[in-house]
């Protein structure tokens, strides 16, 4: 049950971070370069939810017992 909760929390974090990163891509048509975009993304704390979420989901999946 703990692994399911960890997976779902990780999934929520990954979705939140991914949506934030995609939403900030709207700065690119305005004239922001890719370098400035990456620098901006690194400075935003909500964008760190994507790698944290992927890490939590990976932990939950790799710790899942295979002998069901």
PDB file of N, CA and C in Angstrom:
ATOM      1  N   UNK A   1       0.822  -1.181   0.000  1.00  0.00           N
ATOM      2  CA  UNK A   1       0.000   0.000   0.000  1.00  0.00           C
ATOM      3  C   UNK A   1       0.878   1.262   0.000  1.00  0.00           C
ATOM      4  N   UNK A   2       1.996   1.183   0.688  1.00  0.00           N
ATOM      5  CA  UNK A   2       2.916   2.314   0.729  1.00  0.00           C
ATOM      6  C   UNK A   2       3.503   2.571  -0.650  1.00  0.00           C
ATOM      7  N   UNK A   3       3.810   1.499  -1.382  1.00  0.00           N
ATOM      8  CA  UNK A   3       4.372   1.660  -2.721  1.00  0.00           C
ATOM      9  C   UNK A   3       3.351   2.270  -3.681  1.00  0.00           C
ATOM     10  N   UNK A   4       2.100   1.903  -3.534  1.00  0.00           N
ATOM     11  CA  UNK A   4       1.056   2.508  -4.370  1.00  0.00           C
ATOM     12  C   UNK A   4       0.937   3.998  -4.075  1.00  0.00           C
ATOM     13  N   UNK A   5       0.956   4.358  -2.803  1.00  0.00           N
ATOM     14  CA  UNK A   5       0.904   5.770  -2.427  1.00  0.00           C
ATOM     15  C   UNK A   5       2.121   6.519  -2.959  1.00  0.00           C
ATOM     16  N   UNK A   6       3.296   5.926  -2.849  1.00  0.00           N
ATOM     17  CA  UNK A   6       4.522   6.542  -3.351  1.00  0.00           C
ATOM     18  C   UNK A   6       4.456   6.716  -4.870  1.00  0.00           C
ATOM     19  N   UNK A   7       3.929   5.724  -5.564  1.00  0.00           N
ATOM     20  CA  UNK A   7       3.793   5.822  -7.008  1.00  0.00           C
ATOM     21  C   UNK A   7       2.817   6.933  -7.387  1.00  0.00           C
ATOM     22  N   UNK A   8       1.689   7.015  -6.709  1.00  0.00           N
ATOM     23  CA  UNK A   8       0.692   8.035  -7.044  1.00  0.00           C
ATOM     24  C   UNK A   8       1.180   9.451  -6.725  1.00  0.00           C
ATOM     25  N   UNK A   9       1.902   9.605  -5.636  1.00  0.00           N
ATOM     26  CA  UNK A   9       2.484  10.912  -5.314  1.00  0.00           C
ATOM     27  C   UNK A   9       3.525  11.284  -6.361  1.00  0.00           C
ATOM     28  N   UNK A  10       4.337  10.330  -6.755  1.00  0.00           N
ATOM     29  CA  UNK A  10       5.324  10.565  -7.797  1.00  0.00           C
ATOM     30  C   UNK A  10       4.675  10.922  -9.123  1.00  0.00           C
ATOM     31  N   UNK A  11       3.587  10.245  -9.447  1.00  0.00           N
ATOM     32  CA  UNK A  11       2.869  10.546 -10.683  1.00  0.00           C
ATOM     33  C   UNK A  11       2.304  11.961 -10.643  1.00  0.00           C
ATOM     34  N   UNK A  12       1.756  12.354  -9.511  1.00  0.00           N
ATOM     35  CA  UNK A  12       1.231  13.719  -9.375  1.00  0.00           C
ATOM     36  C   UNK A  12       2.329  14.762  -9.509  1.00  0.00           C
ATOM     37  N   UNK A  13       3.462  14.509  -8.888  1.00  0.00           N
ATOM     38  CA  UNK A  13       4.598  15.429  -9.021  1.00  0.00           C
ATOM     39  C   UNK A  13       5.068  15.524 -10.461  1.00  0.00           C
ATOM     40  N   UNK A  14       5.165  14.373 -11.133  1.00  0.00           N
ATOM     41  CA  UNK A  14       5.642  14.365 -12.517  1.00  0.00           C
ATOM     42  C   UNK A  14       4.682  15.118 -13.432  1.00  0.00           C
ATOM     43  N   UNK A  15       3.408  14.949 -13.225  1.00  0.00           N
ATOM     44  CA  UNK A  15       2.426  15.671 -14.037  1.00  0.00           C
ATOM     45  C   UNK A  15       2.512  17.169 -13.774  1.00  0.00           C
ATOM     46  N   UNK A  16       2.619  17.550 -12.520  1.00  0.00           N
ATOM     47  CA  UNK A  16       2.713  18.967 -12.182  1.00  0.00           C
ATOM     48  C   UNK A  16       3.952  19.609 -12.792  1.00  0.00           C
ATOM     49  N   UNK A  17       5.081  18.956 -12.664  1.00  0.00           N
ATOM     50  CA  UNK A  17       6.315  19.487 -13.231  1.00  0.00           C
ATOM     51  C   UNK A  17       6.297  19.519 -14.741  1.00  0.00           C
ATOM     52  N   UNK A  18       5.765  18.470 -15.353  1.00  0.00           N
ATOM     53  CA  UNK A  18       5.700  18.425 -16.806  1.00  0.00           C
ATOM     54  C   UNK A  18       4.785  19.484 -17.387  1.00  0.00           C
ATOM     55  N   UNK A  19       3.643  19.687 -16.752  1.00  0.00           N
ATOM     56  CA  UNK A  19       2.721  20.729 -17.213  1.00  0.00           C
ATOM     57  C   UNK A  19       3.351  22.108 -17.053  1.00  0.00           C
ATOM     58  N   UNK A  20       4.081  22.326 -15.982  1.00  0.00           N
ATOM     59  CA  UNK A  20       4.748  23.614 -15.782  1.00  0.00           C
ATOM     60  C   UNK A  20       5.799  23.857 -16.858  1.00  0.00           C
ATOM     61  N   UNK A  21       6.580  22.838 -17.164  1.00  0.00           N
ATOM     62  CA  UNK A  21       7.612  22.990 -18.184  1.00  0.00           C
ATOM     63  C   UNK A  21       6.987  23.255 -19.550  1.00  0.00           C
ATOM     64  N   UNK A  22       5.917  22.546 -19.864  1.00  0.00           N
ATOM     65  CA  UNK A  22       5.246  22.771 -21.147  1.00  0.00           C
ATOM     66  C   UNK A  22       4.595  24.144 -21.185  1.00  0.00           C
ATOM     67  N   UNK A  23       4.016  24.574 -20.082  1.00  0.00           N
ATOM     68  CA  UNK A  23       3.386  25.897 -20.050  1.00  0.00           C
ATOM     69  C   UNK A  23       4.415  27.006 -20.229  1.00  0.00           C
ATOM     70  N   UNK A  24       5.589  26.836 -19.666  1.00  0.00           N
ATOM     71  CA  UNK A  24       6.625  27.851 -19.817  1.00  0.00           C
ATOM     72  C   UNK A  24       7.218  27.860 -21.226  1.00  0.00           C
ATOM     73  N   UNK A  25       6.937  26.836 -22.025  1.00  0.00           N
ATOM     74  CA  UNK A  25       7.402  26.849 -23.419  1.00  0.00           C
ATOM     75  C   UNK A  25       6.691  27.920 -24.238  1.00  0.00           C
ATOM     76  N   UNK A  26       5.626  28.509 -23.695  1.00  0.00           N
ATOM     77  CA  UNK A  26       4.953  29.600 -24.390  1.00  0.00           C
ATOM     78  C   UNK A  26       5.828  30.848 -24.469  1.00  0.00           C
ATOM     79  N   UNK A  27       6.919  30.881 -23.726  1.00  0.00           N
ATOM     80  CA  UNK A  27       7.851  32.003 -23.836  1.00  0.00           C
ATOM     81  C   UNK A  27       8.688  31.935 -25.111  1.00  0.00           C
ATOM     82  N   UNK A  28       8.815  30.752 -25.696  1.00  0.00           N
ATOM     83  CA  UNK A  28       9.664  30.589 -26.872  1.00  0.00           C
ATOM     84  C   UNK A  28       9.164  31.375 -28.095  1.00  0.00           C
ATOM     85  N   UNK A  29       7.868  31.400 -28.409  1.00  0.00           N
ATOM     86  CA  UNK A  29       7.435  32.186 -29.565  1.00  0.00           C
ATOM     87  C   UNK A  29       7.593  33.693 -29.380  1.00  0.00           C
ATOM     88  N   UNK A  30       7.730  34.136 -28.158  1.00  0.00           N
ATOM     89  CA  UNK A  30       7.876  35.570 -27.893  1.00  0.00           C
ATOM     90  C   UNK A  30       9.267  36.057 -28.274  1.00  0.00           C
ATOM     91  N   UNK A  31      10.217  35.158 -28.358  1.00  0.00           N
ATOM     92  CA  UNK A  31      11.568  35.539 -28.742  1.00  0.00           C
ATOM     93  C   UNK A  31      12.627  35.135 -27.744  1.00  0.00           C
ATOM     94  N   UNK A  32      12.267  34.353 -26.754  1.00  0.00           N
ATOM     95  CA  UNK A  32      13.230  33.872 -25.773  1.00  0.00           C
ATOM     96  C   UNK A  32      14.016  32.725 -26.409  1.00  0.00           C
ATOM     97  N   UNK A  33      15.317  32.729 -26.268  1.00  0.00           N
ATOM     98  CA  UNK A  33      16.126  31.658 -26.841  1.00  0.00           C
ATOM     99  C   UNK A  33      16.027  30.403 -25.970  1.00  0.00           C
ATOM    100  N   UNK A  34      16.481  29.277 -26.540  1.00  0.00           N
ATOM    101  CA  UNK A  34      16.460  28.025 -25.791  1.00  0.00           C
ATOM    102  C   UNK A  34      17.358  28.094 -24.562  1.00  0.00           C
ATOM    103  N   UNK A  35      18.463  28.795 -24.674  1.00  0.00           N
ATOM    104  CA  UNK A  35      19.371  28.931 -23.532  1.00  0.00           C
ATOM    105  C   UNK A  35      18.709  29.703 -22.405  1.00  0.00           C
ATOM    106  N   UNK A  36      18.057  30.809 -22.748  1.00  0.00           N
ATOM    107  CA  UNK A  36      17.349  31.579 -21.727  1.00  0.00           C
ATOM    108  C   UNK A  36      16.199  30.778 -21.121  1.00  0.00           C
ATOM    109  N   UNK A  37      15.548  29.967 -21.952  1.00  0.00           N
ATOM    110  CA  UNK A  37      14.451  29.122 -21.469  1.00  0.00           C
ATOM    111  C   UNK A  37      14.965  28.107 -20.450  1.00  0.00           C
ATOM    112  N   UNK A  38      16.087  27.461 -20.752  1.00  0.00           N
ATOM    113  CA  UNK A  38      16.651  26.469 -19.831  1.00  0.00           C
ATOM    114  C   UNK A  38      17.082  27.131 -18.528  1.00  0.00           C
ATOM    115  N   UNK A  39      17.698  28.306 -18.623  1.00  0.00           N
ATOM    116  CA  UNK A  39      18.104  29.036 -17.420  1.00  0.00           C
ATOM    117  C   UNK A  39      16.876  29.402 -16.586  1.00  0.00           C
ATOM    118  N   UNK A  40      15.807  29.796 -17.244  1.00  0.00           N
ATOM    119  CA  UNK A  40      14.576  30.137 -16.537  1.00  0.00           C
ATOM    120  C   UNK A  40      13.971  28.913 -15.855  1.00  0.00           C
ATOM    121  N   UNK A  41      13.940  27.778 -16.563  1.00  0.00           N
ATOM    122  CA  UNK A  41      13.369  26.549 -16.012  1.00  0.00           C
ATOM    123  C   UNK A  41      14.157  26.074 -14.791  1.00  0.00           C
ATOM    124  N   UNK A  42      15.469  26.199 -14.838  1.00  0.00           N
ATOM    125  CA  UNK A  42      16.300  25.761 -13.709  1.00  0.00           C
ATOM    126  C   UNK A  42      16.016  26.614 -12.478  1.00  0.00           C
ATOM    127  N   UNK A  43      15.602  27.850 -12.683  1.00  0.00           N
ATOM    128  CA  UNK A  43      15.336  28.731 -11.554  1.00  0.00           C
ATOM    129  C   UNK A  43      13.944  28.617 -10.972  1.00  0.00           C
ATOM    130  N   UNK A  44      13.065  27.858 -11.616  1.00  0.00           N
ATOM    131  CA  UNK A  44      11.693  27.725 -11.129  1.00  0.00           C
ATOM    132  C   UNK A  44      11.551  26.472 -10.269  1.00  0.00           C
ATOM    133  N   UNK A  45      11.134  26.600  -9.019  1.00  0.00           N
ATOM    134  CA  UNK A  45      11.073  25.412  -8.148  1.00  0.00           C
ATOM    135  C   UNK A  45       9.997  24.408  -8.556  1.00  0.00           C
ATOM    136  N   UNK A  46       8.913  24.846  -9.180  1.00  0.00           N
ATOM    137  CA  UNK A  46       7.866  23.884  -9.541  1.00  0.00           C
ATOM    138  C   UNK A  46       8.288  22.983 -10.689  1.00  0.00           C
ATOM    139  N   UNK A  47       9.310  23.348 -11.410  1.00  0.00           N
ATOM    140  CA  UNK A  47       9.792  22.498 -12.507  1.00  0.00           C
ATOM    141  C   UNK A  47      10.633  21.332 -11.984  1.00  0.00           C
ATOM    142  N   UNK A  48      11.068  21.406 -10.751  1.00  0.00           N
ATOM    143  CA  UNK A  48      11.814  20.299 -10.156  1.00  0.00           C
ATOM    144  C   UNK A  48      10.905  19.134  -9.778  1.00  0.00           C
ATOM    145  N   UNK A  49       9.584  19.336  -9.852  1.00  0.00           N
ATOM    146  CA  UNK A  49       8.664  18.250  -9.533  1.00  0.00           C
ATOM    147  C   UNK A  49       8.736  17.117 -10.552  1.00  0.00           C
ATOM    148  N   UNK A  50       9.080  17.429 -11.798  1.00  0.00           N
ATOM    149  CA  UNK A  50       9.164  16.370 -12.814  1.00  0.00           C
ATOM    150  C   UNK A  50      10.246  15.343 -12.482  1.00  0.00           C
ATOM    151  N   UNK A  51      11.506  15.734 -12.264  1.00  0.00           N
ATOM    152  CA  UNK A  51      12.494  14.685 -11.937  1.00  0.00           C
ATOM    153  C   UNK A  51      12.241  14.029 -10.582  1.00  0.00           C
ATOM    154  N   UNK A  52      11.703  14.778  -9.626  1.00  0.00           N
ATOM    155  CA  UNK A  52      11.384  14.174  -8.324  1.00  0.00           C
ATOM    156  C   UNK A  52      10.291  13.131  -8.485  1.00  0.00           C
ATOM    157  N   UNK A  53       9.276  13.450  -9.277  1.00  0.00           N
ATOM    158  CA  UNK A  53       8.184  12.509  -9.517  1.00  0.00           C
ATOM    159  C   UNK A  53       8.642  11.258 -10.244  1.00  0.00           C
ATOM    160  N   UNK A  54       9.489  11.432 -11.243  1.00  0.00           N
ATOM    161  CA  UNK A  54      10.013  10.269 -11.962  1.00  0.00           C
ATOM    162  C   UNK A  54      10.852   9.403 -11.027  1.00  0.00           C
ATOM    163  N   UNK A  55      11.624  10.031 -10.156  1.00  0.00           N
ATOM    164  CA  UNK A  55      12.428   9.282  -9.190  1.00  0.00           C
ATOM    165  C   UNK A  55      11.536   8.499  -8.223  1.00  0.00           C
ATOM    166  N   UNK A  56      10.478   9.130  -7.700  1.00  0.00           N
ATOM    167  CA  UNK A  56       9.572   8.433  -6.779  1.00  0.00           C
ATOM    168  C   UNK A  56       8.865   7.271  -7.469  1.00  0.00           C
ATOM    169  N   UNK A  57       8.424   7.469  -8.703  1.00  0.00           N
ATOM    170  CA  UNK A  57       7.776   6.383  -9.425  1.00  0.00           C
ATOM    171  C   UNK A  57       8.761   5.244  -9.691  1.00  0.00           C
ATOM    172  N   UNK A  58       9.998   5.581 -10.006  1.00  0.00           N
ATOM    173  CA  UNK A  58      11.005   4.549 -10.246  1.00  0.00           C
ATOM    174  C   UNK A  58      11.282   3.743  -8.978  1.00  0.00           C
ATOM    175  N   UNK A  59      11.368   4.434  -7.866  1.00  0.00           N
ATOM    176  CA  UNK A  59      11.583   3.738  -6.596  1.00  0.00           C
ATOM    177  C   UNK A  59      10.433   2.794  -6.300  1.00  0.00           C
ATOM    178  N   UNK A  60       9.203   3.257  -6.510  1.00  0.00           N
ATOM    179  CA  UNK A  60       8.041   2.412  -6.243  1.00  0.00           C
ATOM    180  C   UNK A  60       7.986   1.218  -7.176  1.00  0.00           C
ATOM    181  N   UNK A  61       8.349   1.416  -8.440  1.00  0.00           N
ATOM    182  CA  UNK A  61       8.288   0.297  -9.387  1.00  0.00           C
ATOM    183  C   UNK A  61       9.405  -0.709  -9.164  1.00  0.00           C
ATOM    184  N   UNK A  62      10.593  -0.256  -8.836  1.00  0.00           N
ATOM    185  CA  UNK A  62      11.697  -1.184  -8.640  1.00  0.00           C
ATOM    186  C   UNK A  62      11.631  -1.900  -7.293  1.00  0.00           C
ATOM    187  N   UNK A  63      10.935  -1.342  -6.334  1.00  0.00           N
ATOM    188  CA  UNK A  63      10.792  -1.992  -5.036  1.00  0.00           C
ATOM    189  C   UNK A  63       9.596  -2.949  -5.007  1.00  0.00           C
ATOM    190  N   UNK A  64       8.788  -2.941  -6.042  1.00  0.00           N
ATOM    191  CA  UNK A  64       7.598  -3.787  -6.095  1.00  0.00           C
ATOM    192  C   UNK A  64       8.025  -5.251  -6.157  1.00  0.00           C
ATOM    193  N   UNK A  65       7.407  -6.106  -5.322  1.00  0.00           N
ATOM    194  CA  UNK A  65       7.808  -7.514  -5.337  1.00  0.00           C
ATOM    195  C   UNK A  65       7.366  -8.199  -6.636  1.00  0.00           C
ATOM    196  N   UNK A  66       8.270  -8.969  -7.207  1.00  0.00           N
ATOM    197  CA  UNK A  66       7.984  -9.638  -8.472  1.00  0.00           C
ATOM    198  C   UNK A  66       7.372 -11.028  -8.302  1.00  0.00           C
ATOM    199  N   UNK A  67       7.301 -11.518  -7.106  1.00  0.00           N
ATOM    200  CA  UNK A  67       6.828 -12.881  -6.886  1.00  0.00           C
ATOM    201  C   UNK A  67       5.361 -12.905  -6.443  1.00  0.00           C
ATOM    202  N   UNK A  68       4.511 -12.337  -7.250  1.00  0.00           N
ATOM    203  CA  UNK A  68       3.082 -12.368  -6.910  1.00  0.00           C
ATOM    204  C   UNK A  68       2.551 -13.675  -7.371  1.00  0.00           C
TER     205      UNK A  68
END
